[in-house]
């Protein structure tokens, strides 16, 4: 079979489809992080701006990982 005869199969789905573990660990926005932590949204913003909560920013959006939030609270960093 020559390279010209090979079929190219496009990838479908999102990165979330390809990595379900990461999708289960990701929280989108301060409201979701607040609900997960059982604290107010303004407290999440305050802790985030103070550098006490690990966050990933994409534009104006905030993303938190449950595992990193758990670690931050279990080590007493917050």
PDB file of N, CA and C in Angstrom:
ATOM      1  N   UNK A   1       0.852  -1.171   0.000  1.00  0.00           N
ATOM      2  CA  UNK A   1       0.000   0.000   0.000  1.00  0.00           C
ATOM      3  C   UNK A   1       0.898   1.235   0.000  1.00  0.00           C
ATOM      4  N   UNK A   2       0.662   2.119  -0.908  1.00  0.00           N
ATOM      5  CA  UNK A   2       1.476   3.336  -0.986  1.00  0.00           C
ATOM      6  C   UNK A   2       0.915   4.387  -0.033  1.00  0.00           C
ATOM      7  N   UNK A   3       1.720   5.372   0.338  1.00  0.00           N
ATOM      8  CA  UNK A   3       1.229   6.426   1.236  1.00  0.00           C
ATOM      9  C   UNK A   3       0.015   7.152   0.682  1.00  0.00           C
ATOM     10  N   UNK A   4      -0.097   7.235  -0.636  1.00  0.00           N
ATOM     11  CA  UNK A   4      -1.253   7.913  -1.237  1.00  0.00           C
ATOM     12  C   UNK A   4      -2.534   7.124  -1.025  1.00  0.00           C
ATOM     13  N   UNK A   5      -2.423   5.799  -0.824  1.00  0.00           N
ATOM     14  CA  UNK A   5      -3.596   4.956  -0.630  1.00  0.00           C
ATOM     15  C   UNK A   5      -4.082   4.951   0.816  1.00  0.00           C
ATOM     16  N   UNK A   6      -3.245   5.423   1.737  1.00  0.00           N
ATOM     17  CA  UNK A   6      -3.634   5.409   3.149  1.00  0.00           C
ATOM     18  C   UNK A   6      -4.704   6.457   3.390  1.00  0.00           C
ATOM     19  N   UNK A   7      -5.624   6.119   4.253  1.00  0.00           N
ATOM     20  CA  UNK A   7      -6.674   7.058   4.601  1.00  0.00           C
ATOM     21  C   UNK A   7      -6.271   7.822   5.849  1.00  0.00           C
ATOM     22  N   UNK A   8      -6.559   9.092   5.845  1.00  0.00           N
ATOM     23  CA  UNK A   8      -6.318   9.919   7.026  1.00  0.00           C
ATOM     24  C   UNK A   8      -7.632  10.023   7.766  1.00  0.00           C
ATOM     25  N   UNK A   9      -7.602   9.621   9.017  1.00  0.00           N
ATOM     26  CA  UNK A   9      -8.804   9.661   9.841  1.00  0.00           C
ATOM     27  C   UNK A   9      -8.696  10.872  10.757  1.00  0.00           C
ATOM     28  N   UNK A  10      -9.595  11.844  10.606  1.00  0.00           N
ATOM     29  CA  UNK A  10      -9.521  13.038  11.457  1.00  0.00           C
ATOM     30  C   UNK A  10      -9.891  12.704  12.901  1.00  0.00           C
ATOM     31  N   UNK A  11      -9.270  13.423  13.814  1.00  0.00           N
ATOM     32  CA  UNK A  11      -9.635  13.259  15.217  1.00  0.00           C
ATOM     33  C   UNK A  11     -10.946  13.969  15.448  1.00  0.00           C
ATOM     34  N   UNK A  12     -11.815  13.329  16.193  1.00  0.00           N
ATOM     35  CA  UNK A  12     -13.089  13.945  16.514  1.00  0.00           C
ATOM     36  C   UNK A  12     -13.195  14.086  18.012  1.00  0.00           C
ATOM     37  N   UNK A  13     -14.093  14.912  18.435  1.00  0.00           N
ATOM     38  CA  UNK A  13     -14.295  15.100  19.861  1.00  0.00           C
ATOM     39  C   UNK A  13     -13.415  16.203  20.398  1.00  0.00           C
ATOM     40  N   UNK A  14     -13.565  16.436  21.670  1.00  0.00           N
ATOM     41  CA  UNK A  14     -12.784  17.482  22.324  1.00  0.00           C
ATOM     42  C   UNK A  14     -11.723  16.852  23.189  1.00  0.00           C
ATOM     43  N   UNK A  15     -10.845  17.682  23.714  1.00  0.00           N
ATOM     44  CA  UNK A  15      -9.821  17.166  24.627  1.00  0.00           C
ATOM     45  C   UNK A  15     -10.476  16.562  25.857  1.00  0.00           C
ATOM     46  N   UNK A  16     -11.642  17.052  26.198  1.00  0.00           N
ATOM     47  CA  UNK A  16     -12.379  16.502  27.335  1.00  0.00           C
ATOM     48  C   UNK A  16     -12.755  15.042  27.052  1.00  0.00           C
ATOM     49  N   UNK A  17     -13.118  14.742  25.780  1.00  0.00           N
ATOM     50  CA  UNK A  17     -13.455  13.375  25.400  1.00  0.00           C
ATOM     51  C   UNK A  17     -12.238  12.463  25.475  1.00  0.00           C
ATOM     52  N   UNK A  18     -11.072  13.011  25.170  1.00  0.00           N
ATOM     53  CA  UNK A  18      -9.862  12.207  25.136  1.00  0.00           C
ATOM     54  C   UNK A  18      -9.251  11.986  26.511  1.00  0.00           C
ATOM     55  N   UNK A  19      -9.556  12.816  27.489  1.00  0.00           N
ATOM     56  CA  UNK A  19      -8.983  12.673  28.816  1.00  0.00           C
ATOM     57  C   UNK A  19     -10.065  12.853  29.869  1.00  0.00           C
ATOM     58  N   UNK A  20     -10.839  11.796  30.144  1.00  0.00           N
ATOM     59  CA  UNK A  20     -11.944  11.922  31.088  1.00  0.00           C
ATOM     60  C   UNK A  20     -11.487  12.225  32.514  1.00  0.00           C
ATOM     61  N   UNK A  21     -10.269  11.840  32.869  1.00  0.00           N
ATOM     62  CA  UNK A  21      -9.771  12.117  34.220  1.00  0.00           C
ATOM     63  C   UNK A  21      -9.620  13.618  34.406  1.00  0.00           C
ATOM     64  N   UNK A  22      -9.046  14.297  33.431  1.00  0.00           N
ATOM     65  CA  UNK A  22      -8.884  15.742  33.514  1.00  0.00           C
ATOM     66  C   UNK A  22     -10.241  16.429  33.535  1.00  0.00           C
ATOM     67  N   UNK A  23     -11.168  15.968  32.744  1.00  0.00           N
ATOM     68  CA  UNK A  23     -12.501  16.571  32.692  1.00  0.00           C
ATOM     69  C   UNK A  23     -13.187  16.465  34.045  1.00  0.00           C
ATOM     70  N   UNK A  24     -13.003  15.363  34.743  1.00  0.00           N
ATOM     71  CA  UNK A  24     -13.607  15.193  36.058  1.00  0.00           C
ATOM     72  C   UNK A  24     -12.931  16.060  37.105  1.00  0.00           C
ATOM     73  N   UNK A  25     -11.708  16.490  36.845  1.00  0.00           N
ATOM     74  CA  UNK A  25     -10.934  17.268  37.812  1.00  0.00           C
ATOM     75  C   UNK A  25     -11.086  18.770  37.599  1.00  0.00           C
ATOM     76  N   UNK A  26     -11.655  19.193  36.492  1.00  0.00           N
ATOM     77  CA  UNK A  26     -11.687  20.598  36.124  1.00  0.00           C
ATOM     78  C   UNK A  26     -12.971  21.283  36.565  1.00  0.00           C
ATOM     79  N   UNK A  27     -12.821  22.461  37.167  1.00  0.00           N
ATOM     80  CA  UNK A  27     -13.957  23.303  37.538  1.00  0.00           C
ATOM     81  C   UNK A  27     -13.862  24.592  36.738  1.00  0.00           C
ATOM     82  N   UNK A  28     -14.944  24.984  36.122  1.00  0.00           N
ATOM     83  CA  UNK A  28     -14.958  26.178  35.288  1.00  0.00           C
ATOM     84  C   UNK A  28     -15.621  27.325  36.040  1.00  0.00           C
ATOM     85  N   UNK A  29     -14.821  28.293  36.444  1.00  0.00           N
ATOM     86  CA  UNK A  29     -15.343  29.500  37.082  1.00  0.00           C
ATOM     87  C   UNK A  29     -15.293  29.476  38.593  1.00  0.00           C
ATOM     88  N   UNK A  30     -15.343  30.679  39.146  1.00  0.00           N
ATOM     89  CA  UNK A  30     -15.285  30.844  40.599  1.00  0.00           C
ATOM     90  C   UNK A  30     -16.526  30.277  41.284  1.00  0.00           C
ATOM     91  N   UNK A  31     -17.661  30.346  40.613  1.00  0.00           N
ATOM     92  CA  UNK A  31     -18.898  29.804  41.213  1.00  0.00           C
ATOM     93  C   UNK A  31     -18.798  28.302  41.407  1.00  0.00           C
ATOM     94  N   UNK A  32     -18.252  27.611  40.419  1.00  0.00           N
ATOM     95  CA  UNK A  32     -18.095  26.159  40.532  1.00  0.00           C
ATOM     96  C   UNK A  32     -17.087  25.817  41.622  1.00  0.00           C
ATOM     97  N   UNK A  33     -16.005  26.580  41.714  1.00  0.00           N
ATOM     98  CA  UNK A  33     -15.010  26.341  42.757  1.00  0.00           C
ATOM     99  C   UNK A  33     -15.614  26.611  44.134  1.00  0.00           C
ATOM    100  N   UNK A  34     -16.409  27.655  44.242  1.00  0.00           N
ATOM    101  CA  UNK A  34     -17.059  27.982  45.516  1.00  0.00           C
ATOM    102  C   UNK A  34     -18.003  26.872  45.949  1.00  0.00           C
ATOM    103  N   UNK A  35     -18.796  26.370  45.017  1.00  0.00           N
ATOM    104  CA  UNK A  35     -19.719  25.275  45.335  1.00  0.00           C
ATOM    105  C   UNK A  35     -18.950  24.032  45.766  1.00  0.00           C
ATOM    106  N   UNK A  36     -17.853  23.730  45.083  1.00  0.00           N
ATOM    107  CA  UNK A  36     -17.042  22.555  45.417  1.00  0.00           C
ATOM    108  C   UNK A  36     -16.421  22.693  46.801  1.00  0.00           C
ATOM    109  N   UNK A  37     -15.943  23.899  47.120  1.00  0.00           N
ATOM    110  CA  UNK A  37     -15.268  24.118  48.400  1.00  0.00           C
ATOM    111  C   UNK A  37     -16.224  24.409  49.543  1.00  0.00           C
ATOM    112  N   UNK A  38     -17.458  24.775  49.217  1.00  0.00           N
ATOM    113  CA  UNK A  38     -18.426  25.091  50.252  1.00  0.00           C
ATOM    114  C   UNK A  38     -18.190  26.469  50.870  1.00  0.00           C
ATOM    115  N   UNK A  39     -17.668  27.398  50.067  1.00  0.00           N
ATOM    116  CA  UNK A  39     -17.449  28.767  50.518  1.00  0.00           C
ATOM    117  C   UNK A  39     -18.086  29.707  49.512  1.00  0.00           C
ATOM    118  N   UNK A  40     -18.132  30.974  49.829  1.00  0.00           N
ATOM    119  CA  UNK A  40     -18.747  31.951  48.942  1.00  0.00           C
ATOM    120  C   UNK A  40     -17.878  32.268  47.736  1.00  0.00           C
ATOM    121  N   UNK A  41     -18.533  32.717  46.678  1.00  0.00           N
ATOM    122  CA  UNK A  41     -17.822  33.069  45.458  1.00  0.00           C
ATOM    123  C   UNK A  41     -16.846  34.210  45.691  1.00  0.00           C
ATOM    124  N   UNK A  42     -17.244  35.198  46.494  1.00  0.00           N
ATOM    125  CA  UNK A  42     -16.339  36.320  46.766  1.00  0.00           C
ATOM    126  C   UNK A  42     -15.102  35.851  47.530  1.00  0.00           C
ATOM    127  N   UNK A  43     -15.250  34.835  48.366  1.00  0.00           N
ATOM    128  CA  UNK A  43     -14.091  34.279  49.077  1.00  0.00           C
ATOM    129  C   UNK A  43     -13.139  33.608  48.094  1.00  0.00           C
ATOM    130  N   UNK A  44     -13.695  32.937  47.098  1.00  0.00           N
ATOM    131  CA  UNK A  44     -12.851  32.305  46.077  1.00  0.00           C
ATOM    132  C   UNK A  44     -12.079  33.377  45.315  1.00  0.00           C
ATOM    133  N   UNK A  45     -12.755  34.461  44.923  1.00  0.00           N
ATOM    134  CA  UNK A  45     -12.067  35.550  44.228  1.00  0.00           C
ATOM    135  C   UNK A  45     -10.961  36.135  45.101  1.00  0.00           C
ATOM    136  N   UNK A  46     -11.270  36.364  46.374  1.00  0.00           N
ATOM    137  CA  UNK A  46     -10.290  36.936  47.297  1.00  0.00           C
ATOM    138  C   UNK A  46      -9.071  36.016  47.447  1.00  0.00           C
ATOM    139  N   UNK A  47      -9.305  34.726  47.646  1.00  0.00           N
ATOM    140  CA  UNK A  47      -8.209  33.768  47.793  1.00  0.00           C
ATOM    141  C   UNK A  47      -7.408  33.626  46.502  1.00  0.00           C
ATOM    142  N   UNK A  48      -8.098  33.704  45.366  1.00  0.00           N
ATOM    143  CA  UNK A  48      -7.424  33.602  44.078  1.00  0.00           C
ATOM    144  C   UNK A  48      -6.522  34.813  43.847  1.00  0.00           C
ATOM    145  N   UNK A  49      -7.055  35.993  44.057  1.00  0.00           N
ATOM    146  CA  UNK A  49      -6.274  37.207  43.843  1.00  0.00           C
ATOM    147  C   UNK A  49      -5.111  37.315  44.823  1.00  0.00           C
ATOM    148  N   UNK A  50      -5.258  36.731  46.003  1.00  0.00           N
ATOM    149  CA  UNK A  50      -4.180  36.727  46.987  1.00  0.00           C
ATOM    150  C   UNK A  50      -3.125  35.669  46.711  1.00  0.00           C
ATOM    151  N   UNK A  51      -3.355  34.846  45.690  1.00  0.00           N
ATOM    152  CA  UNK A  51      -2.392  33.808  45.329  1.00  0.00           C
ATOM    153  C   UNK A  51      -2.484  32.565  46.190  1.00  0.00           C
ATOM    154  N   UNK A  52      -3.579  32.421  46.930  1.00  0.00           N
ATOM    155  CA  UNK A  52      -3.742  31.272  47.823  1.00  0.00           C
ATOM    156  C   UNK A  52      -4.411  30.072  47.158  1.00  0.00           C
ATOM    157  N   UNK A  53      -5.108  30.311  46.054  1.00  0.00           N
ATOM    158  CA  UNK A  53      -5.740  29.220  45.317  1.00  0.00           C
ATOM    159  C   UNK A  53      -5.074  29.085  43.957  1.00  0.00           C
ATOM    160  N   UNK A  54      -4.714  27.859  43.578  1.00  0.00           N
ATOM    161  CA  UNK A  54      -4.139  27.649  42.251  1.00  0.00           C
ATOM    162  C   UNK A  54      -5.220  27.798  41.186  1.00  0.00           C
ATOM    163  N   UNK A  55      -4.920  28.559  40.155  1.00  0.00           N
ATOM    164  CA  UNK A  55      -5.902  28.847  39.112  1.00  0.00           C
ATOM    165  C   UNK A  55      -5.199  28.898  37.763  1.00  0.00           C
ATOM    166  N   UNK A  56      -5.948  28.560  36.730  1.00  0.00           N
ATOM    167  CA  UNK A  56      -5.488  28.729  35.351  1.00  0.00           C
ATOM    168  C   UNK A  56      -6.421  29.729  34.710  1.00  0.00           C
ATOM    169  N   UNK A  57      -5.846  30.738  34.086  1.00  0.00           N
ATOM    170  CA  UNK A  57      -6.653  31.767  33.426  1.00  0.00           C
ATOM    171  C   UNK A  57      -6.562  31.591  31.917  1.00  0.00           C
ATOM    172  N   UNK A  58      -7.695  31.653  31.289  1.00  0.00           N
ATOM    173  CA  UNK A  58      -7.760  31.619  29.821  1.00  0.00           C
ATOM    174  C   UNK A  58      -8.642  32.797  29.433  1.00  0.00           C
ATOM    175  N   UNK A  59      -7.993  33.884  29.048  1.00  0.00           N
ATOM    176  CA  UNK A  59      -8.748  35.108  28.812  1.00  0.00           C
ATOM    177  C   UNK A  59      -9.279  35.610  30.144  1.00  0.00           C
ATOM    178  N   UNK A  60     -10.556  35.836  30.197  1.00  0.00           N
ATOM    179  CA  UNK A  60     -11.186  36.274  31.451  1.00  0.00           C
ATOM    180  C   UNK A  60     -11.711  35.111  32.276  1.00  0.00           C
ATOM    181  N   UNK A  61     -11.632  33.917  31.741  1.00  0.00           N
ATOM    182  CA  UNK A  61     -12.172  32.733  32.425  1.00  0.00           C
ATOM    183  C   UNK A  61     -11.180  32.183  33.432  1.00  0.00           C
ATOM    184  N   UNK A  62     -11.697  31.676  34.525  1.00  0.00           N
ATOM    185  CA  UNK A  62     -10.886  31.039  35.554  1.00  0.00           C
ATOM    186  C   UNK A  62     -11.207  29.553  35.580  1.00  0.00           C
ATOM    187  N   UNK A  63     -10.176  28.732  35.674  1.00  0.00           N
ATOM    188  CA  UNK A  63     -10.354  27.288  35.766  1.00  0.00           C
ATOM    189  C   UNK A  63      -9.577  26.778  36.975  1.00  0.00           C
ATOM    190  N   UNK A  64     -10.216  25.937  37.736  1.00  0.00           N
ATOM    191  CA  UNK A  64      -9.617  25.358  38.930  1.00  0.00           C
ATOM    192  C   UNK A  64      -9.616  23.845  38.790  1.00  0.00           C
ATOM    193  N   UNK A  65      -8.597  23.201  39.344  1.00  0.00           N
ATOM    194  CA  UNK A  65      -8.558  21.740  39.389  1.00  0.00           C
ATOM    195  C   UNK A  65      -8.900  21.304  40.798  1.00  0.00           C
ATOM    196  N   UNK A  66      -9.849  20.381  40.906  1.00  0.00           N
ATOM    197  CA  UNK A  66     -10.267  19.887  42.218  1.00  0.00           C
ATOM    198  C   UNK A  66      -9.081  19.350  43.002  1.00  0.00           C
ATOM    199  N   UNK A  67      -8.211  18.610  42.334  1.00  0.00           N
ATOM    200  CA  UNK A  67      -7.064  18.013  43.022  1.00  0.00           C
ATOM    201  C   UNK A  67      -6.148  19.088  43.605  1.00  0.00           C
ATOM    202  N   UNK A  68      -5.957  20.197  42.889  1.00  0.00           N
ATOM    203  CA  UNK A  68      -5.111  21.274  43.401  1.00  0.00           C
ATOM    204  C   UNK A  68      -5.794  22.031  44.528  1.00  0.00           C
ATOM    205  N   UNK A  69      -7.114  22.204  44.444  1.00  0.00           N
ATOM    206  CA  UNK A  69      -7.836  22.851  45.533  1.00  0.00           C
ATOM    207  C   UNK A  69      -7.792  21.988  46.790  1.00  0.00           C
ATOM    208  N   UNK A  70      -7.993  20.683  46.614  1.00  0.00           N
ATOM    209  CA  UNK A  70      -7.915  19.767  47.755  1.00  0.00           C
ATOM    210  C   UNK A  70      -6.541  19.841  48.417  1.00  0.00           C
ATOM    211  N   UNK A  71      -5.513  19.853  47.598  1.00  0.00           N
ATOM    212  CA  UNK A  71      -4.144  19.919  48.102  1.00  0.00           C
ATOM    213  C   UNK A  71      -3.889  21.230  48.853  1.00  0.00           C
ATOM    214  N   UNK A  72      -4.398  22.336  48.302  1.00  0.00           N
ATOM    215  CA  UNK A  72      -4.204  23.642  48.930  1.00  0.00           C
ATOM    216  C   UNK A  72      -4.838  23.689  50.314  1.00  0.00           C
ATOM    217  N   UNK A  73      -6.017  23.101  50.443  1.00  0.00           N
ATOM    218  CA  UNK A  73      -6.692  23.111  51.739  1.00  0.00           C
ATOM    219  C   UNK A  73      -6.129  22.074  52.693  1.00  0.00           C
ATOM    220  N   UNK A  74      -5.670  20.953  52.186  1.00  0.00           N
ATOM    221  CA  UNK A  74      -5.143  19.893  53.073  1.00  0.00           C
ATOM    222  C   UNK A  74      -3.775  20.252  53.640  1.00  0.00           C
ATOM    223  N   UNK A  75      -2.997  21.063  52.910  1.00  0.00           N
ATOM    224  CA  UNK A  75      -1.669  21.439  53.394  1.00  0.00           C
ATOM    225  C   UNK A  75      -1.717  22.662  54.298  1.00  0.00           C
ATOM    226  N   UNK A  76      -2.891  23.257  54.431  1.00  0.00           N
ATOM    227  CA  UNK A  76      -3.020  24.427  55.281  1.00  0.00           C
ATOM    228  C   UNK A  76      -2.551  25.701  54.616  1.00  0.00           C
ATOM    229  N   UNK A  77      -2.371  25.676  53.313  1.00  0.00           N
ATOM    230  CA  UNK A  77      -1.935  26.864  52.594  1.00  0.00           C
ATOM    231  C   UNK A  77      -3.021  27.927  52.576  1.00  0.00           C
ATOM    232  N   UNK A  78      -4.254  27.510  52.758  1.00  0.00           N
ATOM    233  CA  UNK A  78      -5.381  28.449  52.738  1.00  0.00           C
ATOM    234  C   UNK A  78      -5.948  28.555  54.119  1.00  0.00           C
TER     235      UNK A  78
END
